[in-house]
């Protein structure tokens, strides 16, 4: 039996929060469906219990369920990127010079 250590490209990412949210939605839908079909009575405690059980099951499935296979090649990082320098006036490059509105001529009609 061979064991492989996960590299950053083959690490498995789990999603327990996403699983919890899907379990919550499925639990609410299941509780409503069971009440509408009259398999259970309209009881708040029983509906909450069904919803909580489904949410916990979804969270556990998101944490320990099977992982998806990678869909593409691993991401490639650039060798070295210098961070940009920050300046207040870099956006304009002098192409849009601002004029003082007090010195402008009023528009002439017609």
N, C-alpha and C. Protein backbone atom coordinates (compact mmCIF):
# COMPACT_ATOMS: atom_id res chain seq x y z
N UNK A 1 0.84 -1.17 0.00
CA UNK A 1 0.00 0.00 0.00
C UNK A 1 0.89 1.23 0.00
N UNK A 2 0.69 2.11 -0.96
CA UNK A 2 1.51 3.31 -1.04
C UNK A 2 0.72 4.50 -0.50
N UNK A 3 1.41 5.35 0.18
CA UNK A 3 0.78 6.56 0.68
C UNK A 3 1.46 7.76 0.03
N UNK A 4 0.68 8.73 -0.32
CA UNK A 4 1.23 9.93 -0.93
C UNK A 4 0.94 11.11 -0.03
N UNK A 5 1.90 11.99 0.06
CA UNK A 5 1.67 13.19 0.84
C UNK A 5 1.06 14.24 -0.08
N UNK A 6 0.04 14.95 0.40
CA UNK A 6 -0.60 15.92 -0.48
C UNK A 6 0.30 17.13 -0.72
N UNK A 7 0.40 17.51 -1.96
CA UNK A 7 1.11 18.73 -2.32
C UNK A 7 0.09 19.86 -2.41
N UNK A 8 0.53 21.11 -2.56
CA UNK A 8 -0.47 22.18 -2.67
C UNK A 8 -1.42 22.01 -3.85
N UNK A 9 -1.01 21.26 -4.88
CA UNK A 9 -1.86 21.09 -6.04
C UNK A 9 -2.83 19.93 -5.87
N UNK A 10 -2.54 18.98 -4.98
CA UNK A 10 -3.41 17.84 -4.81
C UNK A 10 -4.12 17.85 -3.46
N UNK A 11 -4.04 18.93 -2.72
CA UNK A 11 -4.70 19.00 -1.43
C UNK A 11 -6.22 18.98 -1.62
N UNK A 12 -6.89 18.29 -0.73
CA UNK A 12 -8.34 18.18 -0.81
C UNK A 12 -8.96 19.33 -0.01
N UNK A 13 -9.85 20.04 -0.64
CA UNK A 13 -10.54 21.14 0.02
C UNK A 13 -11.95 20.68 0.39
N UNK A 14 -12.29 20.77 1.66
CA UNK A 14 -13.62 20.37 2.10
C UNK A 14 -14.48 21.62 2.29
N UNK A 15 -15.78 21.43 2.28
CA UNK A 15 -16.72 22.53 2.37
C UNK A 15 -17.81 22.22 3.40
N UNK A 16 -17.49 22.25 4.70
CA UNK A 16 -18.51 21.93 5.69
C UNK A 16 -19.59 23.00 5.82
N UNK A 17 -19.26 24.27 5.60
CA UNK A 17 -20.28 25.31 5.71
C UNK A 17 -21.27 25.21 4.56
N UNK A 18 -20.76 24.96 3.37
CA UNK A 18 -21.64 24.76 2.22
C UNK A 18 -22.53 23.54 2.44
N UNK A 19 -21.97 22.47 2.99
CA UNK A 19 -22.77 21.28 3.29
C UNK A 19 -23.83 21.55 4.35
N UNK A 20 -23.48 22.37 5.35
CA UNK A 20 -24.46 22.72 6.39
C UNK A 20 -25.62 23.50 5.78
N UNK A 21 -25.30 24.46 4.91
CA UNK A 21 -26.36 25.27 4.30
C UNK A 21 -27.27 24.41 3.41
N UNK A 22 -26.69 23.52 2.62
CA UNK A 22 -27.50 22.63 1.79
C UNK A 22 -28.32 21.68 2.66
N UNK A 23 -27.73 21.19 3.74
CA UNK A 23 -28.48 20.33 4.65
C UNK A 23 -29.63 21.06 5.31
N UNK A 24 -29.42 22.33 5.62
CA UNK A 24 -30.48 23.15 6.20
C UNK A 24 -31.63 23.30 5.21
N UNK A 25 -31.31 23.58 3.96
CA UNK A 25 -32.35 23.72 2.94
C UNK A 25 -33.10 22.40 2.72
N UNK A 26 -32.36 21.31 2.65
CA UNK A 26 -33.00 20.01 2.45
C UNK A 26 -33.85 19.65 3.66
N UNK A 27 -33.36 19.98 4.86
CA UNK A 27 -34.13 19.69 6.07
C UNK A 27 -35.43 20.46 6.13
N UNK A 28 -35.39 21.75 5.76
CA UNK A 28 -36.62 22.55 5.75
C UNK A 28 -37.60 21.98 4.71
N UNK A 29 -37.07 21.66 3.53
CA UNK A 29 -37.94 21.10 2.50
C UNK A 29 -38.52 19.75 2.89
N UNK A 30 -37.72 18.92 3.52
CA UNK A 30 -38.20 17.60 3.95
C UNK A 30 -39.25 17.74 5.04
N UNK A 31 -39.03 18.65 5.99
CA UNK A 31 -40.01 18.85 7.06
C UNK A 31 -41.34 19.34 6.49
N UNK A 32 -41.30 20.29 5.56
CA UNK A 32 -42.53 20.80 4.96
C UNK A 32 -43.21 19.70 4.14
N UNK A 33 -42.44 18.93 3.40
CA UNK A 33 -43.03 17.85 2.59
C UNK A 33 -43.68 16.79 3.48
N UNK A 34 -43.06 16.48 4.61
CA UNK A 34 -43.65 15.48 5.50
C UNK A 34 -44.93 16.00 6.15
N UNK A 35 -44.99 17.28 6.43
CA UNK A 35 -46.22 17.85 7.01
C UNK A 35 -47.32 17.90 5.96
N UNK A 36 -46.98 18.32 4.74
CA UNK A 36 -47.99 18.44 3.69
C UNK A 36 -48.56 17.08 3.32
N UNK A 37 -47.73 16.05 3.29
CA UNK A 37 -48.21 14.71 2.95
C UNK A 37 -48.81 13.99 4.16
N UNK A 38 -48.88 14.68 5.28
CA UNK A 38 -49.48 14.18 6.53
C UNK A 38 -48.78 12.94 7.07
N UNK A 39 -47.48 12.83 6.84
CA UNK A 39 -46.72 11.74 7.46
C UNK A 39 -46.33 12.10 8.88
N UNK A 40 -46.21 13.39 9.17
CA UNK A 40 -46.00 13.87 10.54
C UNK A 40 -47.00 14.98 10.80
N UNK A 41 -47.25 15.24 12.07
CA UNK A 41 -48.17 16.33 12.42
C UNK A 41 -47.44 17.65 12.37
N UNK A 42 -48.21 18.73 12.33
CA UNK A 42 -47.64 20.07 12.29
C UNK A 42 -47.16 20.41 13.70
N UNK A 43 -45.91 20.04 13.99
CA UNK A 43 -45.34 20.25 15.32
C UNK A 43 -43.98 20.92 15.13
N UNK A 44 -43.81 22.06 15.77
CA UNK A 44 -42.59 22.84 15.57
C UNK A 44 -41.35 22.08 16.04
N UNK A 45 -41.46 21.41 17.17
CA UNK A 45 -40.30 20.69 17.72
C UNK A 45 -39.84 19.60 16.76
N UNK A 46 -40.78 18.83 16.23
CA UNK A 46 -40.43 17.75 15.31
C UNK A 46 -39.84 18.30 14.01
N UNK A 47 -40.38 19.41 13.52
CA UNK A 47 -39.85 20.01 12.30
C UNK A 47 -38.43 20.56 12.52
N UNK A 48 -38.18 21.15 13.68
CA UNK A 48 -36.83 21.65 13.99
C UNK A 48 -35.86 20.50 14.11
N UNK A 49 -36.28 19.41 14.72
CA UNK A 49 -35.40 18.24 14.87
C UNK A 49 -35.02 17.69 13.49
N UNK A 50 -36.00 17.56 12.59
CA UNK A 50 -35.71 17.07 11.24
C UNK A 50 -34.74 18.00 10.53
N UNK A 51 -34.95 19.32 10.66
CA UNK A 51 -34.08 20.29 9.99
C UNK A 51 -32.67 20.24 10.56
N UNK A 52 -32.53 20.14 11.88
CA UNK A 52 -31.19 20.11 12.50
C UNK A 52 -30.46 18.83 12.12
N UNK A 53 -31.16 17.71 12.10
CA UNK A 53 -30.52 16.44 11.71
C UNK A 53 -30.03 16.51 10.27
N UNK A 54 -30.84 17.08 9.38
CA UNK A 54 -30.43 17.20 7.98
C UNK A 54 -29.26 18.18 7.83
N UNK A 55 -29.25 19.26 8.60
CA UNK A 55 -28.16 20.23 8.52
C UNK A 55 -26.85 19.62 9.01
N UNK A 56 -26.91 18.86 10.09
CA UNK A 56 -25.70 18.20 10.60
C UNK A 56 -25.22 17.13 9.61
N UNK A 57 -26.15 16.40 9.02
CA UNK A 57 -25.76 15.39 8.01
C UNK A 57 -25.11 16.06 6.81
N UNK A 58 -25.64 17.20 6.38
CA UNK A 58 -25.03 17.93 5.27
C UNK A 58 -23.65 18.45 5.61
N UNK A 59 -23.46 18.94 6.85
CA UNK A 59 -22.15 19.42 7.27
C UNK A 59 -21.13 18.28 7.29
N UNK A 60 -21.55 17.13 7.80
CA UNK A 60 -20.64 15.98 7.83
C UNK A 60 -20.33 15.50 6.42
N UNK A 61 -21.30 15.54 5.52
CA UNK A 61 -21.05 15.15 4.13
C UNK A 61 -20.09 16.13 3.48
N UNK A 62 -20.24 17.42 3.76
CA UNK A 62 -19.33 18.41 3.20
C UNK A 62 -17.91 18.26 3.73
N UNK A 63 -17.78 17.79 4.96
CA UNK A 63 -16.45 17.64 5.56
C UNK A 63 -15.79 16.32 5.15
N UNK A 64 -16.55 15.23 5.18
CA UNK A 64 -15.94 13.91 5.00
C UNK A 64 -16.39 13.20 3.73
N UNK A 65 -17.24 13.79 2.92
CA UNK A 65 -17.72 13.16 1.69
C UNK A 65 -16.63 13.08 0.65
N UNK A 66 -16.91 12.40 -0.47
CA UNK A 66 -15.89 12.28 -1.52
C UNK A 66 -15.60 13.63 -2.17
N UNK A 67 -14.36 13.85 -2.49
CA UNK A 67 -13.93 15.10 -3.10
C UNK A 67 -14.05 15.01 -4.61
N UNK A 68 -14.24 16.16 -5.25
CA UNK A 68 -14.28 16.19 -6.70
C UNK A 68 -12.88 16.09 -7.27
N UNK A 69 -12.79 15.55 -8.46
CA UNK A 69 -11.50 15.48 -9.14
C UNK A 69 -11.14 16.87 -9.67
N UNK A 70 -9.86 17.22 -9.73
CA UNK A 70 -9.49 18.52 -10.29
C UNK A 70 -9.93 18.63 -11.75
N UNK A 71 -10.40 19.80 -12.13
CA UNK A 71 -10.93 19.96 -13.49
C UNK A 71 -9.91 20.52 -14.46
N UNK A 72 -8.80 21.00 -14.00
CA UNK A 72 -7.82 21.59 -14.91
C UNK A 72 -6.42 21.46 -14.35
N UNK A 73 -5.48 22.06 -15.05
CA UNK A 73 -4.10 22.00 -14.56
C UNK A 73 -3.95 22.87 -13.30
N UNK A 74 -2.94 22.60 -12.51
CA UNK A 74 -2.74 23.41 -11.31
C UNK A 74 -2.40 24.85 -11.68
N UNK A 75 -2.74 25.79 -10.83
CA UNK A 75 -2.45 27.18 -11.15
C UNK A 75 -0.95 27.45 -11.16
N UNK A 76 -0.53 28.34 -12.05
CA UNK A 76 0.88 28.69 -12.20
C UNK A 76 1.08 30.07 -11.57
N UNK A 77 2.02 30.14 -10.66
CA UNK A 77 2.33 31.43 -10.04
C UNK A 77 3.46 32.10 -10.81
N UNK A 78 3.38 33.42 -10.98
CA UNK A 78 4.49 34.12 -11.64
C UNK A 78 5.73 34.09 -10.75
N UNK A 79 6.88 34.14 -11.39
CA UNK A 79 8.14 34.04 -10.65
C UNK A 79 8.31 35.20 -9.68
N UNK A 80 8.19 36.42 -10.17
CA UNK A 80 8.36 37.57 -9.30
C UNK A 80 7.58 38.75 -9.88
N UNK A 81 6.75 39.33 -9.08
CA UNK A 81 5.97 40.48 -9.50
C UNK A 81 6.24 41.60 -8.51
N UNK A 82 6.63 42.76 -9.04
CA UNK A 82 6.88 43.90 -8.16
C UNK A 82 5.56 44.60 -7.89
N UNK A 83 5.32 44.99 -6.66
CA UNK A 83 4.07 45.67 -6.35
C UNK A 83 4.05 47.06 -6.97
N UNK A 84 2.89 47.55 -7.35
CA UNK A 84 2.82 48.87 -7.96
C UNK A 84 3.09 49.96 -6.93
N UNK A 85 3.63 51.07 -7.41
CA UNK A 85 3.83 52.20 -6.52
C UNK A 85 2.54 52.99 -6.45
N UNK A 86 2.27 53.54 -5.30
CA UNK A 86 1.01 54.23 -5.08
C UNK A 86 1.24 55.73 -5.12
N UNK A 87 0.43 56.42 -5.87
CA UNK A 87 0.48 57.87 -5.93
C UNK A 87 -0.93 58.39 -6.10
N UNK A 88 -1.19 59.58 -5.62
CA UNK A 88 -2.54 60.14 -5.72
C UNK A 88 -2.91 60.49 -7.15
N UNK A 89 -1.93 60.84 -7.97
CA UNK A 89 -2.22 61.38 -9.28
C UNK A 89 -1.82 60.45 -10.42
N UNK A 90 -1.62 59.17 -10.14
CA UNK A 90 -1.24 58.24 -11.20
C UNK A 90 -2.38 57.94 -12.15
N UNK A 91 -3.61 58.12 -11.74
CA UNK A 91 -4.74 57.73 -12.58
C UNK A 91 -4.88 58.62 -13.81
N UNK A 92 -4.45 59.88 -13.75
CA UNK A 92 -4.73 60.80 -14.84
C UNK A 92 -3.60 60.93 -15.85
N UNK A 93 -2.36 60.75 -15.44
CA UNK A 93 -1.21 60.87 -16.33
C UNK A 93 -1.16 62.23 -17.02
N UNK A 94 -1.77 63.23 -16.45
CA UNK A 94 -1.73 64.56 -17.03
C UNK A 94 -2.65 64.74 -18.22
N UNK A 95 -3.46 63.74 -18.57
CA UNK A 95 -4.31 63.85 -19.75
C UNK A 95 -5.56 64.67 -19.47
N UNK A 96 -5.99 64.71 -18.25
CA UNK A 96 -7.19 65.48 -17.90
C UNK A 96 -6.79 66.51 -16.87
N UNK A 97 -6.33 67.66 -17.33
CA UNK A 97 -5.92 68.69 -16.38
C UNK A 97 -7.15 69.42 -15.88
N UNK A 98 -7.21 69.63 -14.61
CA UNK A 98 -8.34 70.31 -14.01
C UNK A 98 -8.14 71.81 -14.09
N UNK A 99 -9.20 72.52 -14.41
CA UNK A 99 -9.14 73.97 -14.48
C UNK A 99 -9.94 74.53 -13.32
N UNK A 100 -9.50 75.65 -12.83
CA UNK A 100 -10.18 76.30 -11.73
C UNK A 100 -11.50 76.85 -12.24
N UNK A 101 -12.65 76.45 -11.66
CA UNK A 101 -13.93 76.92 -12.18
C UNK A 101 -14.14 78.42 -12.02
N UNK A 102 -13.39 79.08 -11.13
CA UNK A 102 -13.55 80.52 -10.95
C UNK A 102 -12.95 81.31 -12.11
N UNK A 103 -12.00 80.73 -12.83
CA UNK A 103 -11.37 81.44 -13.93
C UNK A 103 -11.96 81.13 -15.29
N UNK A 104 -12.94 80.25 -15.35
CA UNK A 104 -13.54 79.88 -16.64
C UNK A 104 -14.51 80.98 -17.11
N UNK A 105 -14.60 81.12 -18.41
CA UNK A 105 -15.54 82.07 -19.01
C UNK A 105 -16.94 81.48 -18.94
N UNK A 106 -17.95 82.29 -18.67
CA UNK A 106 -19.32 81.76 -18.70
C UNK A 106 -19.70 81.43 -20.13
N UNK A 107 -20.57 80.42 -20.32
CA UNK A 107 -20.95 80.06 -21.69
C UNK A 107 -21.78 81.17 -22.33
N UNK A 108 -21.55 81.36 -23.62
CA UNK A 108 -22.30 82.39 -24.34
C UNK A 108 -23.53 81.76 -24.95
N UNK A 109 -24.67 82.43 -24.85
CA UNK A 109 -25.89 81.85 -25.44
C UNK A 109 -25.86 81.93 -26.96
N UNK A 110 -26.42 80.92 -27.55
CA UNK A 110 -26.68 80.87 -28.96
C UNK A 110 -25.59 80.61 -29.84
